[in-house]
Amino acid sequence: MRYLFFICTDPEAPAYDPADDDIEVWVADNDRRGISRGGNRLRPPETAKTVRKRDGEVIVTDGPFAETKEWVAGYDLLECESLEEALEIASRHPMARYGRVEVRAEWPFEAAP
């Protein structure tokens, strides 16, 4: 099953320490195992646009859809055998220490009730 990892900031987390950032090792391990399906950083939320359509009118606003102190900084899409494996892999991501990693399984349309 494929799992999307939302890599999020967390203002309550310990301060970021570049010396402890082993993201290259984390990515290389997932690549070596053949489970990575893509991922990347995202630009800051102040560069985001939110699109809505109401009564036939397209409305584009600046910024993210929600005003929070946390924001999605990146994403990874991994093919994992189980939720337990996905959670274990997420626990090794550097942002599990300096932010948050939200893990969600894909929900293909053909699997929807």
C-alpha atoms as a PDB file:
ATOM      1  CA  MET A   1       0.000   0.000   0.000  1.00  0.00           C
ATOM      2  CA  ARG A   2       1.177   3.515  -0.701  1.00  0.00           C
ATOM      3  CA  TYR A   3       1.445   6.002   2.148  1.00  0.00           C
ATOM      4  CA  LEU A   4       1.800   9.761   1.868  1.00  0.00           C
ATOM      5  CA  PHE A   5       4.004  11.348   4.510  1.00  0.00           C
ATOM      6  CA  PHE A   6       3.206  15.010   5.127  1.00  0.00           C
ATOM      7  CA  ILE A   7       6.382  16.565   6.515  1.00  0.00           C
ATOM      8  CA  CYS A   8       5.217  19.360   8.815  1.00  0.00           C
ATOM      9  CA  THR A   9       6.761  22.042  10.966  1.00  0.00           C
ATOM     10  CA  ASP A  10       6.006  22.142  14.687  1.00  0.00           C
ATOM     11  CA  PRO A  11       6.638  25.312  16.722  1.00  0.00           C
ATOM     12  CA  GLU A  12       6.694  23.212  19.925  1.00  0.00           C
ATOM     13  CA  ALA A  13       9.457  20.852  18.728  1.00  0.00           C
ATOM     14  CA  PRO A  14      13.125  21.143  19.731  1.00  0.00           C
ATOM     15  CA  ALA A  15      15.220  23.618  17.751  1.00  0.00           C
ATOM     16  CA  TYR A  16      16.516  22.315  14.441  1.00  0.00           C
ATOM     17  CA  ASP A  17      20.114  21.073  14.591  1.00  0.00           C
ATOM     18  CA  PRO A  18      21.733  20.723  11.143  1.00  0.00           C
ATOM     19  CA  ALA A  19      24.349  18.371  12.602  1.00  0.00           C
ATOM     20  CA  ASP A  20      21.589  15.891  13.453  1.00  0.00           C
ATOM     21  CA  ASP A  21      19.801  16.161  10.090  1.00  0.00           C
ATOM     22  CA  ASP A  22      20.292  12.818   8.332  1.00  0.00           C
ATOM     23  CA  ILE A  23      17.678  13.276   5.604  1.00  0.00           C
ATOM     24  CA  GLU A  24      20.117  12.082   2.920  1.00  0.00           C
ATOM     25  CA  VAL A  25      20.531   8.776   4.778  1.00  0.00           C
ATOM     26  CA  TRP A  26      16.749   8.409   5.205  1.00  0.00           C
ATOM     27  CA  VAL A  27      16.096   9.060   1.496  1.00  0.00           C
ATOM     28  CA  ALA A  28      18.968   6.790   0.362  1.00  0.00           C
ATOM     29  CA  ASP A  29      17.677   3.942   2.558  1.00  0.00           C
ATOM     30  CA  ASN A  30      14.189   4.188   1.059  1.00  0.00           C
ATOM     31  CA  ASP A  31      15.644   4.388  -2.458  1.00  0.00           C
ATOM     32  CA  ARG A  32      17.871   1.348  -1.789  1.00  0.00           C
ATOM     33  CA  ARG A  33      14.846  -0.618  -0.551  1.00  0.00           C
ATOM     34  CA  GLY A  34      12.881   0.395  -3.665  1.00  0.00           C
ATOM     35  CA  ILE A  35       9.940   1.789  -1.680  1.00  0.00           C
ATOM     36  CA  SER A  36      10.226   5.482  -2.576  1.00  0.00           C
ATOM     37  CA  ARG A  37       7.649   6.714  -5.082  1.00  0.00           C
ATOM     38  CA  GLY A  38       8.657  10.374  -4.885  1.00  0.00           C
ATOM     39  CA  GLY A  39       8.960  13.281  -2.534  1.00  0.00           C
ATOM     40  CA  ASN A  40      10.266  16.797  -2.220  1.00  0.00           C
ATOM     41  CA  ARG A  41      10.295  19.964  -0.172  1.00  0.00           C
ATOM     42  CA  LEU A  42       7.540  22.532  -0.650  1.00  0.00           C
ATOM     43  CA  ARG A  43       7.877  26.296  -0.886  1.00  0.00           C
ATOM     44  CA  PRO A  44       6.801  28.280   2.233  1.00  0.00           C
ATOM     45  CA  PRO A  45       3.065  28.786   2.828  1.00  0.00           C
ATOM     46  CA  GLU A  46       3.232  32.487   2.011  1.00  0.00           C
ATOM     47  CA  THR A  47       3.844  31.469  -1.627  1.00  0.00           C
ATOM     48  CA  ALA A  48       0.735  29.255  -1.712  1.00  0.00           C
ATOM     49  CA  LYS A  49      -2.513  29.987  -3.489  1.00  0.00           C
ATOM     50  CA  THR A  50      -5.864  28.500  -2.527  1.00  0.00           C
ATOM     51  CA  VAL A  51      -8.479  27.906  -5.236  1.00  0.00           C
ATOM     52  CA  ARG A  52     -12.208  27.623  -4.623  1.00  0.00           C
ATOM     53  CA  LYS A  53     -15.166  27.662  -6.946  1.00  0.00           C
ATOM     54  CA  ARG A  54     -18.425  29.068  -5.614  1.00  0.00           C
ATOM     55  CA  ASP A  55     -21.564  29.748  -7.658  1.00  0.00           C
ATOM     56  CA  GLY A  56     -19.547  29.287 -10.858  1.00  0.00           C
ATOM     57  CA  GLU A  57     -16.924  31.856  -9.844  1.00  0.00           C
ATOM     58  CA  VAL A  58     -13.272  30.859  -9.375  1.00  0.00           C
ATOM     59  CA  ILE A  59     -11.800  32.493  -6.268  1.00  0.00           C
ATOM     60  CA  VAL A  60      -8.022  32.504  -5.794  1.00  0.00           C
ATOM     61  CA  THR A  61      -6.634  33.713  -2.483  1.00  0.00           C
ATOM     62  CA  ASP A  62      -3.093  34.084  -1.204  1.00  0.00           C
ATOM     63  CA  GLY A  63      -1.714  31.674   1.338  1.00  0.00           C
ATOM     64  CA  PRO A  64      -2.663  28.278   2.658  1.00  0.00           C
ATOM     65  CA  PHE A  65      -6.239  27.141   3.205  1.00  0.00           C
ATOM     66  CA  ALA A  66      -5.831  27.340   7.000  1.00  0.00           C
ATOM     67  CA  GLU A  67      -4.018  29.794   9.223  1.00  0.00           C
ATOM     68  CA  THR A  68      -1.889  27.797  11.624  1.00  0.00           C
ATOM     69  CA  LYS A  69       1.604  27.999  13.048  1.00  0.00           C
ATOM     70  CA  GLU A  70       2.369  24.577  11.585  1.00  0.00           C
ATOM     71  CA  TRP A  71       2.682  24.065   7.838  1.00  0.00           C
ATOM     72  CA  VAL A  72       3.411  21.290   5.377  1.00  0.00           C
ATOM     73  CA  ALA A  73       7.074  21.649   4.421  1.00  0.00           C
ATOM     74  CA  GLY A  74       7.312  18.628   2.137  1.00  0.00           C
ATOM     75  CA  TYR A  75       6.033  15.181   1.310  1.00  0.00           C
ATOM     76  CA  ASP A  76       7.163  11.633   0.612  1.00  0.00           C
ATOM     77  CA  LEU A  77       5.199   8.866  -1.065  1.00  0.00           C
ATOM     78  CA  LEU A  78       6.335   5.383  -0.046  1.00  0.00           C
ATOM     79  CA  GLU A  79       5.188   1.856  -0.861  1.00  0.00           C
ATOM     80  CA  CYS A  80       4.993   0.008   2.463  1.00  0.00           C
ATOM     81  CA  GLU A  81       3.812  -3.459   3.443  1.00  0.00           C
ATOM     82  CA  SER A  82       1.711  -2.157   6.327  1.00  0.00           C
ATOM     83  CA  LEU A  83       0.804   0.860   8.415  1.00  0.00           C
ATOM     84  CA  GLU A  84       3.226  -0.405  11.059  1.00  0.00           C
ATOM     85  CA  GLU A  85       6.086  -0.326   8.543  1.00  0.00           C
ATOM     86  CA  ALA A  86       5.073   3.165   7.388  1.00  0.00           C
ATOM     87  CA  LEU A  87       5.038   4.432  10.979  1.00  0.00           C
ATOM     88  CA  GLU A  88       8.451   2.910  11.689  1.00  0.00           C
ATOM     89  CA  ILE A  89       9.904   4.574   8.597  1.00  0.00           C
ATOM     90  CA  ALA A  90       8.256   7.895   9.530  1.00  0.00           C
ATOM     91  CA  SER A  91       9.791   7.687  13.003  1.00  0.00           C
ATOM     92  CA  ARG A  92      13.270   7.769  11.426  1.00  0.00           C
ATOM     93  CA  HIS A  93      12.582  10.919   9.364  1.00  0.00           C
ATOM     94  CA  PRO A  94      14.508  13.938  10.763  1.00  0.00           C
ATOM     95  CA  MET A  95      11.293  15.947  10.940  1.00  0.00           C
ATOM     96  CA  ALA A  96       9.904  13.410  13.401  1.00  0.00           C
ATOM     97  CA  ARG A  97      12.446  15.051  15.751  1.00  0.00           C
ATOM     98  CA  TYR A  98      12.096  18.686  14.616  1.00  0.00           C
ATOM     99  CA  GLY A  99       8.524  18.750  13.372  1.00  0.00           C
ATOM    100  CA  ARG A 100       5.799  16.236  12.643  1.00  0.00           C
ATOM    101  CA  VAL A 101       5.252  13.514  10.096  1.00  0.00           C
ATOM    102  CA  GLU A 102       1.616  12.814   9.290  1.00  0.00           C
ATOM    103  CA  VAL A 103       1.140   9.413   7.638  1.00  0.00           C
ATOM    104  CA  ARG A 104      -1.906   8.679   5.464  1.00  0.00           C
ATOM    105  CA  ALA A 105      -2.695   5.678   3.298  1.00  0.00           C
ATOM    106  CA  GLU A 106      -3.853   6.304  -0.231  1.00  0.00           C
ATOM    107  CA  TRP A 107      -7.531   5.598  -0.775  1.00  0.00           C
ATOM    108  CA  PRO A 108      -7.944   4.629  -4.418  1.00  0.00           C
ATOM    109  CA  PHE A 109     -11.318   5.478  -5.968  1.00  0.00           C
ATOM    110  CA  GLU A 110     -11.950   1.823  -6.825  1.00  0.00           C
ATOM    111  CA  ALA A 111     -11.611   0.984  -3.108  1.00  0.00           C
ATOM    112  CA  ALA A 112     -14.155   3.591  -1.971  1.00  0.00           C
ATOM    113  CA  PRO A 113     -17.520   2.244  -0.776  1.00  0.00           C
END
